[in-house]
Amino acid sequence: MQLIFKSTNVDFKLMYTSTNSLKGLMDSLTVAARNKGLNDASWAAAAGFSKETLSRLRRRSSCDLSTLTALADAASAKLAVTPTNQPPTTPDGHFPSELSRDYERRLLELCASRQLNVAVWAATGPAFFMAGLAVMLASNADADRRGLLALAEVLHPGATEVPVFARWLKRSPLRPSRFLPMLAVETRHAA
């Protein structure tokens, strides 16, 4: 299961692993607060905290659920638990351990839908893999380049940098030379 929050504008996956879960939560909640027009001082005050408490919380590795709930409420976000439907991953967790035809079909359907919902993308596969997929799609002439690159950065910060994407291309089980033509066919059928 993954912990996610839903905002009126954006859905974000909040819990990646136990080692960076609070940072991920705080980063996502901060985006929601900014989307609502709140700076740190006004967000903290709306949640019933001082700006200093919010600053300290960003450096911690854990906090109470009530604290997160207050911050989410102040940012007009909602905390929720949702099941994941991700495939087994490589030992480092960056890629699916195999690219079955069924999984490839799910990826094609997601990409053809042009949906940029972060929670949906995050639930579909490992964050680094999905971020690289978004970067790859941004190279298409008719793609929402800005939206896909922003999605990639939320899924895995730094994914849009050339050396990082080069590493993705080298290790990914998904081959662009196969996937992109299949996506073109899928997109024509979806239209």
C-alpha atoms as a PDB file:
ATOM      1  CA  MET A   1       0.000   0.000   0.000  1.00  0.00           C
ATOM      2  CA  GLN A   2       1.005   3.607  -0.532  1.00  0.00           C
ATOM      3  CA  LEU A   3      -0.034   6.727   1.293  1.00  0.00           C
ATOM      4  CA  ILE A   4      -1.165   9.439  -1.101  1.00  0.00           C
ATOM      5  CA  PHE A   5      -2.905  12.751  -0.798  1.00  0.00           C
ATOM      6  CA  LYS A   6      -5.426  14.281  -3.118  1.00  0.00           C
ATOM      7  CA  SER A   7      -5.676  17.968  -3.814  1.00  0.00           C
ATOM      8  CA  THR A   8      -8.130  19.740  -6.051  1.00  0.00           C
ATOM      9  CA  ASN A   9      -5.413  20.389  -8.620  1.00  0.00           C
ATOM     10  CA  VAL A  10      -2.893  17.555  -8.310  1.00  0.00           C
ATOM     11  CA  ASP A  11      -2.552  14.026  -6.942  1.00  0.00           C
ATOM     12  CA  PHE A  12       0.826  13.022  -5.489  1.00  0.00           C
ATOM     13  CA  LYS A  13       2.188   9.769  -4.191  1.00  0.00           C
ATOM     14  CA  LEU A  14       3.318  10.485  -0.678  1.00  0.00           C
ATOM     15  CA  MET A  15       5.114   7.417   0.597  1.00  0.00           C
ATOM     16  CA  TYR A  16       7.886   5.894  -1.497  1.00  0.00           C
ATOM     17  CA  THR A  17       9.879   3.882   1.048  1.00  0.00           C
ATOM     18  CA  SER A  18      10.415   3.936   4.782  1.00  0.00           C
ATOM     19  CA  THR A  19      13.720   5.749   4.362  1.00  0.00           C
ATOM     20  CA  ASN A  20      12.380   8.875   2.695  1.00  0.00           C
ATOM     21  CA  SER A  21       8.673   8.781   3.450  1.00  0.00           C
ATOM     22  CA  LEU A  22       8.426  11.917   5.597  1.00  0.00           C
ATOM     23  CA  LYS A  23      10.523  13.934   3.153  1.00  0.00           C
ATOM     24  CA  GLY A  24       8.284  12.766   0.321  1.00  0.00           C
ATOM     25  CA  LEU A  25       5.182  13.633   2.321  1.00  0.00           C
ATOM     26  CA  MET A  26       6.506  17.063   3.200  1.00  0.00           C
ATOM     27  CA  ASP A  27       7.601  17.786  -0.380  1.00  0.00           C
ATOM     28  CA  SER A  28       4.191  16.840  -1.723  1.00  0.00           C
ATOM     29  CA  LEU A  29       2.308  18.736   0.948  1.00  0.00           C
ATOM     30  CA  THR A  30       4.493  21.766   0.285  1.00  0.00           C
ATOM     31  CA  VAL A  31       3.498  21.669  -3.392  1.00  0.00           C
ATOM     32  CA  ALA A  32      -0.174  21.551  -2.352  1.00  0.00           C
ATOM     33  CA  ALA A  33       0.336  24.479   0.021  1.00  0.00           C
ATOM     34  CA  ARG A  34       2.059  26.502  -2.711  1.00  0.00           C
ATOM     35  CA  ASN A  35      -0.753  25.673  -5.135  1.00  0.00           C
ATOM     36  CA  LYS A  36      -3.122  27.144  -2.560  1.00  0.00           C
ATOM     37  CA  GLY A  37      -0.969  30.293  -2.408  1.00  0.00           C
ATOM     38  CA  LEU A  38       0.464  29.636   1.056  1.00  0.00           C
ATOM     39  CA  ASN A  39       4.035  30.423   2.029  1.00  0.00           C
ATOM     40  CA  ASP A  40       5.607  28.557   4.957  1.00  0.00           C
ATOM     41  CA  ALA A  41       4.503  31.106   7.567  1.00  0.00           C
ATOM     42  CA  SER A  42       0.861  31.188   6.469  1.00  0.00           C
ATOM     43  CA  TRP A  43       0.723  27.415   5.946  1.00  0.00           C
ATOM     44  CA  ALA A  44       2.159  26.708   9.390  1.00  0.00           C
ATOM     45  CA  ALA A  45      -0.209  29.218  11.011  1.00  0.00           C
ATOM     46  CA  ALA A  46      -3.213  27.679   9.228  1.00  0.00           C
ATOM     47  CA  ALA A  47      -2.139  24.266  10.567  1.00  0.00           C
ATOM     48  CA  GLY A  48      -1.691  25.625  14.104  1.00  0.00           C
ATOM     49  CA  PHE A  49       2.125  25.553  14.127  1.00  0.00           C
ATOM     50  CA  SER A  50       4.926  28.077  14.048  1.00  0.00           C
ATOM     51  CA  LYS A  51       7.072  28.504  10.946  1.00  0.00           C
ATOM     52  CA  GLU A  52      10.011  27.158  12.980  1.00  0.00           C
ATOM     53  CA  THR A  53       8.104  23.964  13.797  1.00  0.00           C
ATOM     54  CA  LEU A  54       7.442  23.443  10.096  1.00  0.00           C
ATOM     55  CA  SER A  55      11.131  24.000   9.366  1.00  0.00           C
ATOM     56  CA  ARG A  56      12.180  21.454  12.028  1.00  0.00           C
ATOM     57  CA  LEU A  57       9.657  18.953  10.715  1.00  0.00           C
ATOM     58  CA  ARG A  58      11.327  19.032   7.294  1.00  0.00           C
ATOM     59  CA  ARG A  59      14.564  17.807   8.887  1.00  0.00           C
ATOM     60  CA  ARG A  60      12.982  14.975  10.881  1.00  0.00           C
ATOM     61  CA  SER A  61      12.518  11.371   9.858  1.00  0.00           C
ATOM     62  CA  SER A  62       9.140  10.884  11.575  1.00  0.00           C
ATOM     63  CA  CYS A  63       6.173  12.773  12.982  1.00  0.00           C
ATOM     64  CA  ASP A  64       2.650  12.192  14.289  1.00  0.00           C
ATOM     65  CA  LEU A  65      -0.185  11.493  11.888  1.00  0.00           C
ATOM     66  CA  SER A  66      -2.143  14.339  13.510  1.00  0.00           C
ATOM     67  CA  THR A  67       0.614  16.755  12.468  1.00  0.00           C
ATOM     68  CA  LEU A  68       0.468  15.559   8.866  1.00  0.00           C
ATOM     69  CA  THR A  69      -3.311  15.725   8.891  1.00  0.00           C
ATOM     70  CA  ALA A  70      -3.230  19.336  10.136  1.00  0.00           C
ATOM     71  CA  LEU A  71      -0.749  20.298   7.424  1.00  0.00           C
ATOM     72  CA  ALA A  72      -2.794  18.490   4.768  1.00  0.00           C
ATOM     73  CA  ASP A  73      -6.016  20.180   5.916  1.00  0.00           C
ATOM     74  CA  ALA A  74      -4.349  23.595   5.829  1.00  0.00           C
ATOM     75  CA  ALA A  75      -3.173  22.877   2.271  1.00  0.00           C
ATOM     76  CA  SER A  76      -6.642  21.624   1.210  1.00  0.00           C
ATOM     77  CA  ALA A  77      -5.200  18.146   0.735  1.00  0.00           C
ATOM     78  CA  LYS A  78      -6.364  14.770   1.983  1.00  0.00           C
ATOM     79  CA  LEU A  79      -4.289  11.862   3.268  1.00  0.00           C
ATOM     80  CA  ALA A  80      -5.406   8.425   2.081  1.00  0.00           C
ATOM     81  CA  VAL A  81      -4.130   4.862   1.761  1.00  0.00           C
ATOM     82  CA  THR A  82      -4.386   3.211  -1.644  1.00  0.00           C
ATOM     83  CA  PRO A  83      -3.205  -0.190  -2.863  1.00  0.00           C
ATOM     84  CA  THR A  84      -0.475  -0.322  -5.466  1.00  0.00           C
ATOM     85  CA  ASN A  85      -0.493  -2.374  -8.593  1.00  0.00           C
ATOM     86  CA  GLN A  86       3.219  -2.311  -9.283  1.00  0.00           C
ATOM     87  CA  PRO A  87       5.208  -5.186 -10.756  1.00  0.00           C
ATOM     88  CA  PRO A  88       8.134  -6.794  -8.918  1.00  0.00           C
ATOM     89  CA  THR A  89      11.242  -4.625  -9.156  1.00  0.00           C
ATOM     90  CA  THR A  90      14.982  -4.960  -9.589  1.00  0.00           C
ATOM     91  CA  PRO A  91      16.931  -5.194  -6.309  1.00  0.00           C
ATOM     92  CA  ASP A  92      17.582  -1.427  -6.321  1.00  0.00           C
ATOM     93  CA  GLY A  93      13.844  -0.762  -6.838  1.00  0.00           C
ATOM     94  CA  HIS A  94      14.425   1.443  -9.879  1.00  0.00           C
ATOM     95  CA  PHE A  95      12.987  -0.756 -12.628  1.00  0.00           C
ATOM     96  CA  PRO A  96      10.443  -3.528 -13.072  1.00  0.00           C
ATOM     97  CA  SER A  97      12.283  -6.844 -12.916  1.00  0.00           C
ATOM     98  CA  GLU A  98      10.595  -7.868 -16.155  1.00  0.00           C
ATOM     99  CA  LEU A  99       8.506  -6.203 -18.819  1.00  0.00           C
ATOM    100  CA  SER A 100       5.670  -8.627 -19.504  1.00  0.00           C
ATOM    101  CA  ARG A 101       3.282  -8.048 -22.398  1.00  0.00           C
ATOM    102  CA  ASP A 102       0.474  -7.320 -19.905  1.00  0.00           C
ATOM    103  CA  TYR A 103       2.554  -4.707 -18.116  1.00  0.00           C
ATOM    104  CA  GLU A 104       3.678  -3.216 -21.425  1.00  0.00           C
ATOM    105  CA  ARG A 105      -0.012  -2.971 -22.426  1.00  0.00           C
ATOM    106  CA  ARG A 106      -0.817  -1.121 -19.164  1.00  0.00           C
ATOM    107  CA  LEU A 107       2.025   1.304 -19.829  1.00  0.00           C
ATOM    108  CA  LEU A 108       0.834   1.895 -23.397  1.00  0.00           C
ATOM    109  CA  GLU A 109      -2.720   2.563 -22.212  1.00  0.00           C
ATOM    110  CA  LEU A 110      -1.508   5.008 -19.569  1.00  0.00           C
ATOM    111  CA  CYS A 111       0.712   6.858 -22.037  1.00  0.00           C
ATOM    112  CA  ALA A 112      -1.962   6.946 -24.761  1.00  0.00           C
ATOM    113  CA  SER A 113      -4.454   8.405 -22.270  1.00  0.00           C
ATOM    114  CA  ARG A 114      -2.196  11.484 -21.914  1.00  0.00           C
ATOM    115  CA  GLN A 115      -3.134  11.494 -18.259  1.00  0.00           C
ATOM    116  CA  LEU A 116      -0.552  13.263 -16.067  1.00  0.00           C
ATOM    117  CA  ASN A 117      -1.980  12.278 -12.696  1.00  0.00           C
ATOM    118  CA  VAL A 118       1.047  11.747 -10.458  1.00  0.00           C
ATOM    119  CA  ALA A 119      -0.708   9.227  -8.212  1.00  0.00           C
ATOM    120  CA  VAL A 120      -1.715   7.087 -11.187  1.00  0.00           C
ATOM    121  CA  TRP A 121       1.791   7.162 -12.649  1.00  0.00           C
ATOM    122  CA  ALA A 122       3.397   6.463  -9.266  1.00  0.00           C
ATOM    123  CA  ALA A 123       1.116   3.492  -8.681  1.00  0.00           C
ATOM    124  CA  THR A 124       1.918   2.022 -12.097  1.00  0.00           C
ATOM    125  CA  GLY A 125       5.620   1.357 -11.588  1.00  0.00           C
ATOM    126  CA  PRO A 126       8.841   2.210  -9.778  1.00  0.00           C
ATOM    127  CA  ALA A 127       9.320   5.985  -9.486  1.00  0.00           C
ATOM    128  CA  PHE A 128      12.624   6.139 -11.387  1.00  0.00           C
ATOM    129  CA  PHE A 129      11.304   3.942 -14.194  1.00  0.00           C
ATOM    130  CA  MET A 130       8.094   5.939 -14.540  1.00  0.00           C
ATOM    131  CA  ALA A 131       9.987   9.245 -14.439  1.00  0.00           C
ATOM    132  CA  GLY A 132      12.225   8.063 -17.283  1.00  0.00           C
ATOM    133  CA  LEU A 133       9.175   6.969 -19.242  1.00  0.00           C
ATOM    134  CA  ALA A 134       7.717  10.476 -18.865  1.00  0.00           C
ATOM    135  CA  VAL A 135      11.000  12.033 -20.049  1.00  0.00           C
ATOM    136  CA  MET A 136      11.048   9.682 -23.047  1.00  0.00           C
ATOM    137  CA  LEU A 137       7.460  10.636 -23.940  1.00  0.00           C
ATOM    138  CA  ALA A 138       8.326  14.335 -23.717  1.00  0.00           C
ATOM    139  CA  SER A 139      10.514  13.843 -26.802  1.00  0.00           C
ATOM    140  CA  ASN A 140       7.439  13.192 -28.967  1.00  0.00           C
ATOM    141  CA  ALA A 141       6.472  16.142 -31.154  1.00  0.00           C
ATOM    142  CA  ASP A 142       2.807  16.110 -30.097  1.00  0.00           C
ATOM    143  CA  ALA A 143       3.489  15.539 -26.375  1.00  0.00           C
ATOM    144  CA  ASP A 144       2.729  17.877 -23.494  1.00  0.00           C
ATOM    145  CA  ARG A 145       6.461  18.363 -22.980  1.00  0.00           C
ATOM    146  CA  ARG A 146       6.199  20.752 -20.040  1.00  0.00           C
ATOM    147  CA  GLY A 147       3.634  18.580 -18.249  1.00  0.00           C
ATOM    148  CA  LEU A 148       5.570  15.353 -18.800  1.00  0.00           C
ATOM    149  CA  LEU A 149       8.869  16.850 -17.624  1.00  0.00           C
ATOM    150  CA  ALA A 150       7.180  18.275 -14.516  1.00  0.00           C
ATOM    151  CA  LEU A 151       5.647  14.857 -13.871  1.00  0.00           C
ATOM    152  CA  ALA A 152       9.065  13.223 -14.218  1.00  0.00           C
ATOM    153  CA  GLU A 153      10.604  15.635 -11.692  1.00  0.00           C
ATOM    154  CA  VAL A 154       7.866  14.923  -9.137  1.00  0.00           C
ATOM    155  CA  LEU A 155       8.249  11.169  -9.593  1.00  0.00           C
ATOM    156  CA  HIS A 156      12.055  11.256  -9.343  1.00  0.00           C
ATOM    157  CA  PRO A 157      13.820  14.595  -8.831  1.00  0.00           C
ATOM    158  CA  GLY A 158      16.642  14.966 -11.335  1.00  0.00           C
ATOM    159  CA  ALA A 159      15.102  12.583 -13.878  1.00  0.00           C
ATOM    160  CA  THR A 160      15.131  15.261 -16.584  1.00  0.00           C
ATOM    161  CA  GLU A 161      18.899  15.750 -16.370  1.00  0.00           C
ATOM    162  CA  VAL A 162      20.769  14.270 -19.354  1.00  0.00           C
ATOM    163  CA  PRO A 163      23.092  11.936 -17.373  1.00  0.00           C
ATOM    164  CA  VAL A 164      20.180  10.595 -15.339  1.00  0.00           C
ATOM    165  CA  PHE A 165      18.063   9.930 -18.406  1.00  0.00           C
ATOM    166  CA  ALA A 166      21.076   8.332 -20.124  1.00  0.00           C
ATOM    167  CA  ARG A 167      21.334   5.946 -17.162  1.00  0.00           C
ATOM    168  CA  TRP A 168      17.597   5.211 -17.521  1.00  0.00           C
ATOM    169  CA  LEU A 169      18.021   4.438 -21.231  1.00  0.00           C
ATOM    170  CA  LYS A 170      20.932   2.120 -20.521  1.00  0.00           C
ATOM    171  CA  ARG A 171      19.186   0.093 -17.788  1.00  0.00           C
ATOM    172  CA  SER A 172      15.503   0.226 -18.693  1.00  0.00           C
ATOM    173  CA  PRO A 173      13.827  -2.975 -19.878  1.00  0.00           C
ATOM    174  CA  LEU A 174      11.582  -0.762 -22.020  1.00  0.00           C
ATOM    175  CA  ARG A 175      13.124  -0.058 -25.421  1.00  0.00           C
ATOM    176  CA  PRO A 176      12.049   3.273 -26.977  1.00  0.00           C
ATOM    177  CA  SER A 177      12.552   1.839 -30.494  1.00  0.00           C
ATOM    178  CA  ARG A 178       9.812  -0.710 -29.751  1.00  0.00           C
ATOM    179  CA  PHE A 179       7.585   1.249 -27.363  1.00  0.00           C
ATOM    180  CA  LEU A 180       7.202   4.571 -29.219  1.00  0.00           C
ATOM    181  CA  PRO A 181       5.886   3.041 -32.490  1.00  0.00           C
ATOM    182  CA  MET A 182       3.491   0.903 -30.454  1.00  0.00           C
ATOM    183  CA  LEU A 183       2.364   4.031 -28.625  1.00  0.00           C
ATOM    184  CA  ALA A 184       1.732   5.825 -31.912  1.00  0.00           C
ATOM    185  CA  VAL A 185      -0.607   3.003 -32.964  1.00  0.00           C
ATOM    186  CA  GLU A 186      -2.290   2.946 -29.536  1.00  0.00           C
ATOM    187  CA  THR A 187      -2.790   6.724 -29.616  1.00  0.00           C
ATOM    188  CA  ARG A 188      -4.414   6.583 -33.062  1.00  0.00           C
ATOM    189  CA  HIS A 189      -6.815   3.888 -31.788  1.00  0.00           C
ATOM    190  CA  ALA A 190      -7.600   5.912 -28.650  1.00  0.00           C
ATOM    191  CA  ALA A 191      -8.529   8.994 -30.704  1.00  0.00           C
END
